Amino acid sequence: MELRNRIKELRARDNLTQEELAKKVDVTRQTIISIEKSEYTPSTLLSLKITKVFKVPFEEAFYIKK
């Protein structure tokens, strides 16, 4: 199983750049890139910060691919 996400879609919906999102959640742009590509699994705290920015439940931003 693998944790996947819809961060890129949510960013597009809210017209946010990777840099803007990174600043809002206090990480680098490279971290956002890695999360979007599912190359990096964010911590619980970072995941919750991201969902708070987009005002969505965790399950709407992140999901498990079987």
PDB file of N, CA and C in Angstrom:
ATOM      1  N   MET A   1       0.848  -1.187   0.000  1.00  0.00           N
ATOM      2  CA  MET A   1       0.000   0.000   0.000  1.00  0.00           C
ATOM      3  C   MET A   1       0.889   1.243   0.000  1.00  0.00           C
ATOM      4  N   GLU A   2       0.345   2.272  -0.581  1.00  0.00           N
ATOM      5  CA  GLU A   2       1.115   3.501  -0.741  1.00  0.00           C
ATOM      6  C   GLU A   2       0.222   4.715  -0.474  1.00  0.00           C
ATOM      7  N   LEU A   3       0.754   5.687   0.259  1.00  0.00           N
ATOM      8  CA  LEU A   3       0.007   6.915   0.516  1.00  0.00           C
ATOM      9  C   LEU A   3       0.121   7.822  -0.699  1.00  0.00           C
ATOM     10  N   ARG A   4      -1.004   8.202  -1.259  1.00  0.00           N
ATOM     11  CA  ARG A   4      -1.060   9.113  -2.400  1.00  0.00           C
ATOM     12  C   ARG A   4      -1.756  10.393  -1.960  1.00  0.00           C
ATOM     13  N   ASN A   5      -1.749  11.397  -2.828  1.00  0.00           N
ATOM     14  CA  ASN A   5      -2.376  12.657  -2.439  1.00  0.00           C
ATOM     15  C   ASN A   5      -2.947  13.392  -3.642  1.00  0.00           C
ATOM     16  N   ARG A   6      -3.750  14.390  -3.333  1.00  0.00           N
ATOM     17  CA  ARG A   6      -4.368  15.257  -4.341  1.00  0.00           C
ATOM     18  C   ARG A   6      -3.919  16.709  -4.159  1.00  0.00           C
ATOM     19  N   ILE A   7      -2.705  16.869  -3.656  1.00  0.00           N
ATOM     20  CA  ILE A   7      -2.206  18.209  -3.336  1.00  0.00           C
ATOM     21  C   ILE A   7      -2.137  19.094  -4.575  1.00  0.00           C
ATOM     22  N   LYS A   8      -1.643  18.554  -5.673  1.00  0.00           N
ATOM     23  CA  LYS A   8      -1.529  19.346  -6.901  1.00  0.00           C
ATOM     24  C   LYS A   8      -2.904  19.835  -7.357  1.00  0.00           C
ATOM     25  N   GLU A   9      -3.900  18.954  -7.293  1.00  0.00           N
ATOM     26  CA  GLU A   9      -5.268  19.339  -7.669  1.00  0.00           C
ATOM     27  C   GLU A   9      -5.808  20.433  -6.751  1.00  0.00           C
ATOM     28  N   LEU A  10      -5.557  20.283  -5.458  1.00  0.00           N
ATOM     29  CA  LEU A  10      -6.048  21.269  -4.494  1.00  0.00           C
ATOM     30  C   LEU A  10      -5.340  22.611  -4.668  1.00  0.00           C
ATOM     31  N   ARG A  11      -4.066  22.568  -4.979  1.00  0.00           N
ATOM     32  CA  ARG A  11      -3.331  23.813  -5.248  1.00  0.00           C
ATOM     33  C   ARG A  11      -3.921  24.531  -6.457  1.00  0.00           C
ATOM     34  N   ALA A  12      -4.192  23.762  -7.511  1.00  0.00           N
ATOM     35  CA  ALA A  12      -4.776  24.350  -8.726  1.00  0.00           C
ATOM     36  C   ALA A  12      -6.142  24.962  -8.420  1.00  0.00           C
ATOM     37  N   ARG A  13      -6.930  24.244  -7.637  1.00  0.00           N
ATOM     38  CA  ARG A  13      -8.261  24.736  -7.267  1.00  0.00           C
ATOM     39  C   ARG A  13      -8.176  26.091  -6.563  1.00  0.00           C
ATOM     40  N   ASP A  14      -7.148  26.224  -5.685  1.00  0.00           N
ATOM     41  CA  ASP A  14      -6.994  27.451  -4.894  1.00  0.00           C
ATOM     42  C   ASP A  14      -5.996  28.441  -5.498  1.00  0.00           C
ATOM     43  N   ASN A  15      -5.532  28.158  -6.710  1.00  0.00           N
ATOM     44  CA  ASN A  15      -4.570  29.036  -7.392  1.00  0.00           C
ATOM     45  C   ASN A  15      -3.337  29.326  -6.544  1.00  0.00           C
ATOM     46  N   LEU A  16      -2.780  28.285  -5.937  1.00  0.00           N
ATOM     47  CA  LEU A  16      -1.563  28.414  -5.128  1.00  0.00           C
ATOM     48  C   LEU A  16      -0.385  27.808  -5.876  1.00  0.00           C
ATOM     49  N   THR A  17       0.751  28.467  -5.802  1.00  0.00           N
ATOM     50  CA  THR A  17       1.967  27.881  -6.356  1.00  0.00           C
ATOM     51  C   THR A  17       2.574  26.936  -5.322  1.00  0.00           C
ATOM     52  N   GLN A  18       3.514  26.124  -5.757  1.00  0.00           N
ATOM     53  CA  GLN A  18       4.214  25.250  -4.817  1.00  0.00           C
ATOM     54  C   GLN A  18       4.929  26.089  -3.766  1.00  0.00           C
ATOM     55  N   GLU A  19       5.519  27.183  -4.190  1.00  0.00           N
ATOM     56  CA  GLU A  19       6.239  28.073  -3.270  1.00  0.00           C
ATOM     57  C   GLU A  19       5.293  28.670  -2.224  1.00  0.00           C
ATOM     58  N   GLU A  20       4.118  29.108  -2.652  1.00  0.00           N
ATOM     59  CA  GLU A  20       3.151  29.691  -1.716  1.00  0.00           C
ATOM     60  C   GLU A  20       2.689  28.657  -0.690  1.00  0.00           C
ATOM     61  N   LEU A  21       2.391  27.453  -1.155  1.00  0.00           N
ATOM     62  CA  LEU A  21       1.983  26.402  -0.227  1.00  0.00           C
ATOM     63  C   LEU A  21       3.113  26.080   0.733  1.00  0.00           C
ATOM     64  N   ALA A  22       4.319  25.985   0.218  1.00  0.00           N
ATOM     65  CA  ALA A  22       5.480  25.680   1.063  1.00  0.00           C
ATOM     66  C   ALA A  22       5.618  26.703   2.192  1.00  0.00           C
ATOM     67  N   LYS A  23       5.460  27.967   1.865  1.00  0.00           N
ATOM     68  CA  LYS A  23       5.566  29.020   2.886  1.00  0.00           C
ATOM     69  C   LYS A  23       4.467  28.892   3.925  1.00  0.00           C
ATOM     70  N   LYS A  24       3.265  28.563   3.480  1.00  0.00           N
ATOM     71  CA  LYS A  24       2.133  28.443   4.411  1.00  0.00           C
ATOM     72  C   LYS A  24       2.308  27.301   5.413  1.00  0.00           C
ATOM     73  N   VAL A  25       3.003  26.234   5.000  1.00  0.00           N
ATOM     74  CA  VAL A  25       3.171  25.078   5.889  1.00  0.00           C
ATOM     75  C   VAL A  25       4.608  24.954   6.406  1.00  0.00           C
ATOM     76  N   ASP A  26       5.424  25.962   6.115  1.00  0.00           N
ATOM     77  CA  ASP A  26       6.785  26.070   6.656  1.00  0.00           C
ATOM     78  C   ASP A  26       7.710  24.930   6.222  1.00  0.00           C
ATOM     79  N   VAL A  27       7.724  24.669   4.918  1.00  0.00           N
ATOM     80  CA  VAL A  27       8.662  23.702   4.337  1.00  0.00           C
ATOM     81  C   VAL A  27       9.234  24.321   3.060  1.00  0.00           C
ATOM     82  N   THR A  28      10.130  23.610   2.412  1.00  0.00           N
ATOM     83  CA  THR A  28      10.692  24.099   1.160  1.00  0.00           C
ATOM     84  C   THR A  28       9.791  23.716  -0.015  1.00  0.00           C
ATOM     85  N   ARG A  29       9.985  24.403  -1.114  1.00  0.00           N
ATOM     86  CA  ARG A  29       9.252  24.072  -2.340  1.00  0.00           C
ATOM     87  C   ARG A  29       9.587  22.650  -2.770  1.00  0.00           C
ATOM     88  N   GLN A  30      10.833  22.249  -2.581  1.00  0.00           N
ATOM     89  CA  GLN A  30      11.249  20.897  -2.951  1.00  0.00           C
ATOM     90  C   GLN A  30      10.459  19.841  -2.177  1.00  0.00           C
ATOM     91  N   THR A  31      10.136  20.120  -0.931  1.00  0.00           N
ATOM     92  CA  THR A  31       9.331  19.183  -0.138  1.00  0.00           C
ATOM     93  C   THR A  31       7.943  19.031  -0.751  1.00  0.00           C
ATOM     94  N   ILE A  32       7.350  20.138  -1.155  1.00  0.00           N
ATOM     95  CA  ILE A  32       6.024  20.079  -1.790  1.00  0.00           C
ATOM     96  C   ILE A  32       6.102  19.286  -3.088  1.00  0.00           C
ATOM     97  N   ILE A  33       7.132  19.521  -3.881  1.00  0.00           N
ATOM     98  CA  ILE A  33       7.315  18.767  -5.124  1.00  0.00           C
ATOM     99  C   ILE A  33       7.384  17.274  -4.827  1.00  0.00           C
ATOM    100  N   SER A  34       8.179  16.895  -3.829  1.00  0.00           N
ATOM    101  CA  SER A  34       8.337  15.477  -3.482  1.00  0.00           C
ATOM    102  C   SER A  34       7.047  14.859  -2.973  1.00  0.00           C
ATOM    103  N   ILE A  35       6.274  15.625  -2.208  1.00  0.00           N
ATOM    104  CA  ILE A  35       4.985  15.128  -1.716  1.00  0.00           C
ATOM    105  C   ILE A  35       4.039  14.913  -2.899  1.00  0.00           C
ATOM    106  N   GLU A  36       3.955  15.887  -3.791  1.00  0.00           N
ATOM    107  CA  GLU A  36       3.062  15.771  -4.944  1.00  0.00           C
ATOM    108  C   GLU A  36       3.402  14.574  -5.823  1.00  0.00           C
ATOM    109  N   LYS A  37       4.670  14.251  -5.934  1.00  0.00           N
ATOM    110  CA  LYS A  37       5.105  13.111  -6.743  1.00  0.00           C
ATOM    111  C   LYS A  37       5.034  11.794  -5.971  1.00  0.00           C
ATOM    112  N   SER A  38       4.587  11.847  -4.729  1.00  0.00           N
ATOM    113  CA  SER A  38       4.537  10.675  -3.838  1.00  0.00           C
ATOM    114  C   SER A  38       5.920  10.053  -3.631  1.00  0.00           C
ATOM    115  N   GLU A  39       6.938  10.884  -3.701  1.00  0.00           N
ATOM    116  CA  GLU A  39       8.300  10.437  -3.416  1.00  0.00           C
ATOM    117  C   GLU A  39       8.637  10.598  -1.938  1.00  0.00           C
ATOM    118  N   TYR A  40       7.828  11.384  -1.236  1.00  0.00           N
ATOM    119  CA  TYR A  40       8.046  11.672   0.183  1.00  0.00           C
ATOM    120  C   TYR A  40       6.707  11.584   0.898  1.00  0.00           C
ATOM    121  N   THR A  41       6.692  10.858   2.003  1.00  0.00           N
ATOM    122  CA  THR A  41       5.485  10.756   2.821  1.00  0.00           C
ATOM    123  C   THR A  41       5.591  11.782   3.944  1.00  0.00           C
ATOM    124  N   PRO A  42       4.702  12.757   3.952  1.00  0.00           N
ATOM    125  CA  PRO A  42       4.784  13.802   4.983  1.00  0.00           C
ATOM    126  C   PRO A  42       4.399  13.258   6.360  1.00  0.00           C
ATOM    127  N   SER A  43       4.916  13.923   7.368  1.00  0.00           N
ATOM    128  CA  SER A  43       4.555  13.569   8.736  1.00  0.00           C
ATOM    129  C   SER A  43       3.075  13.857   8.964  1.00  0.00           C
ATOM    130  N   THR A  44       2.559  13.335  10.034  1.00  0.00           N
ATOM    131  CA  THR A  44       1.158  13.593  10.382  1.00  0.00           C
ATOM    132  C   THR A  44       0.937  15.088  10.562  1.00  0.00           C
ATOM    133  N   LEU A  45       1.852  15.745  11.247  1.00  0.00           N
ATOM    134  CA  LEU A  45       1.715  17.178  11.492  1.00  0.00           C
ATOM    135  C   LEU A  45       1.706  17.964  10.178  1.00  0.00           C
ATOM    136  N   LEU A  46       2.632  17.652   9.287  1.00  0.00           N
ATOM    137  CA  LEU A  46       2.683  18.353   8.007  1.00  0.00           C
ATOM    138  C   LEU A  46       1.427  18.062   7.183  1.00  0.00           C
ATOM    139  N   SER A  47       0.975  16.844   7.191  1.00  0.00           N
ATOM    140  CA  SER A  47      -0.253  16.483   6.469  1.00  0.00           C
ATOM    141  C   SER A  47      -1.433  17.298   6.980  1.00  0.00           C
ATOM    142  N   LEU A  48      -1.533  17.438   8.285  1.00  0.00           N
ATOM    143  CA  LEU A  48      -2.636  18.203   8.863  1.00  0.00           C
ATOM    144  C   LEU A  48      -2.516  19.690   8.545  1.00  0.00           C
ATOM    145  N   LYS A  49      -1.301  20.214   8.521  1.00  0.00           N
ATOM    146  CA  LYS A  49      -1.102  21.614   8.132  1.00  0.00           C
ATOM    147  C   LYS A  49      -1.580  21.835   6.698  1.00  0.00           C
ATOM    148  N   ILE A  50      -1.246  20.894   5.825  1.00  0.00           N
ATOM    149  CA  ILE A  50      -1.648  21.008   4.425  1.00  0.00           C
ATOM    150  C   ILE A  50      -3.165  20.975   4.292  1.00  0.00           C
ATOM    151  N   THR A  51      -3.814  20.048   4.978  1.00  0.00           N
ATOM    152  CA  THR A  51      -5.278  19.968   4.886  1.00  0.00           C
ATOM    153  C   THR A  51      -5.940  21.218   5.464  1.00  0.00           C
ATOM    154  N   LYS A  52      -5.309  21.816   6.461  1.00  0.00           N
ATOM    155  CA  LYS A  52      -5.842  23.045   7.047  1.00  0.00           C
ATOM    156  C   LYS A  52      -5.781  24.195   6.039  1.00  0.00           C
ATOM    157  N   VAL A  53      -4.697  24.284   5.289  1.00  0.00           N
ATOM    158  CA  VAL A  53      -4.569  25.324   4.265  1.00  0.00           C
ATOM    159  C   VAL A  53      -5.702  25.210   3.249  1.00  0.00           C
ATOM    160  N   PHE A  54      -5.998  23.982   2.835  1.00  0.00           N
ATOM    161  CA  PHE A  54      -7.027  23.761   1.820  1.00  0.00           C
ATOM    162  C   PHE A  54      -8.434  23.636   2.398  1.00  0.00           C
ATOM    163  N   LYS A  55      -8.534  23.599   3.719  1.00  0.00           N
ATOM    164  CA  LYS A  55      -9.830  23.487   4.406  1.00  0.00           C
ATOM    165  C   LYS A  55     -10.610  22.262   3.928  1.00  0.00           C
ATOM    166  N   VAL A  56      -9.903  21.123   3.914  1.00  0.00           N
ATOM    167  CA  VAL A  56     -10.522  19.850   3.522  1.00  0.00           C
ATOM    168  C   VAL A  56     -10.196  18.797   4.572  1.00  0.00           C
ATOM    169  N   PRO A  57     -11.018  17.755   4.674  1.00  0.00           N
ATOM    170  CA  PRO A  57     -10.696  16.652   5.567  1.00  0.00           C
ATOM    171  C   PRO A  57      -9.465  15.901   5.048  1.00  0.00           C
ATOM    172  N   PHE A  58      -8.777  15.252   5.947  1.00  0.00           N
ATOM    173  CA  PHE A  58      -7.567  14.497   5.594  1.00  0.00           C
ATOM    174  C   PHE A  58      -7.818  13.567   4.408  1.00  0.00           C
ATOM    175  N   GLU A  59      -8.941  12.857   4.438  1.00  0.00           N
ATOM    176  CA  GLU A  59      -9.258  11.861   3.413  1.00  0.00           C
ATOM    177  C   GLU A  59      -9.456  12.463   2.024  1.00  0.00           C
ATOM    178  N   GLU A  60      -9.731  13.755   1.969  1.00  0.00           N
ATOM    179  CA  GLU A  60      -9.889  14.410   0.684  1.00  0.00           C
ATOM    180  C   GLU A  60      -8.541  14.770   0.057  1.00  0.00           C
ATOM    181  N   ALA A  61      -7.542  14.947   0.899  1.00  0.00           N
ATOM    182  CA  ALA A  61      -6.212  15.324   0.406  1.00  0.00           C
ATOM    183  C   ALA A  61      -5.285  14.118   0.251  1.00  0.00           C
ATOM    184  N   PHE A  62      -5.447  13.124   1.097  1.00  0.00           N
ATOM    185  CA  PHE A  62      -4.575  11.953   1.104  1.00  0.00           C
ATOM    186  C   PHE A  62      -5.401  10.668   1.045  1.00  0.00           C
ATOM    187  N   TYR A  63      -4.868   9.651   0.358  1.00  0.00           N
ATOM    188  CA  TYR A  63      -5.557   8.363   0.278  1.00  0.00           C
ATOM    189  C   TYR A  63      -4.531   7.255   0.091  1.00  0.00           C
ATOM    190  N   ILE A  64      -4.948   6.041   0.349  1.00  0.00           N
ATOM    191  CA  ILE A  64      -4.070   4.884   0.225  1.00  0.00           C
ATOM    192  C   ILE A  64      -4.351   4.170  -1.087  1.00  0.00           C
ATOM    193  N   LYS A  65      -3.294   3.948  -1.845  1.00  0.00           N
ATOM    194  CA  LYS A  65      -3.400   3.192  -3.100  1.00  0.00           C
ATOM    195  C   LYS A  65      -2.986   1.761  -2.803  1.00  0.00           C
ATOM    196  N   LYS A  66      -3.856   0.821  -3.150  1.00  0.00           N
ATOM    197  CA  LYS A  66      -3.579  -0.589  -2.871  1.00  0.00           C
ATOM    198  C   LYS A  66      -2.806  -1.221  -3.993  1.00  0.00           C
TER     199      LYS A  66
END
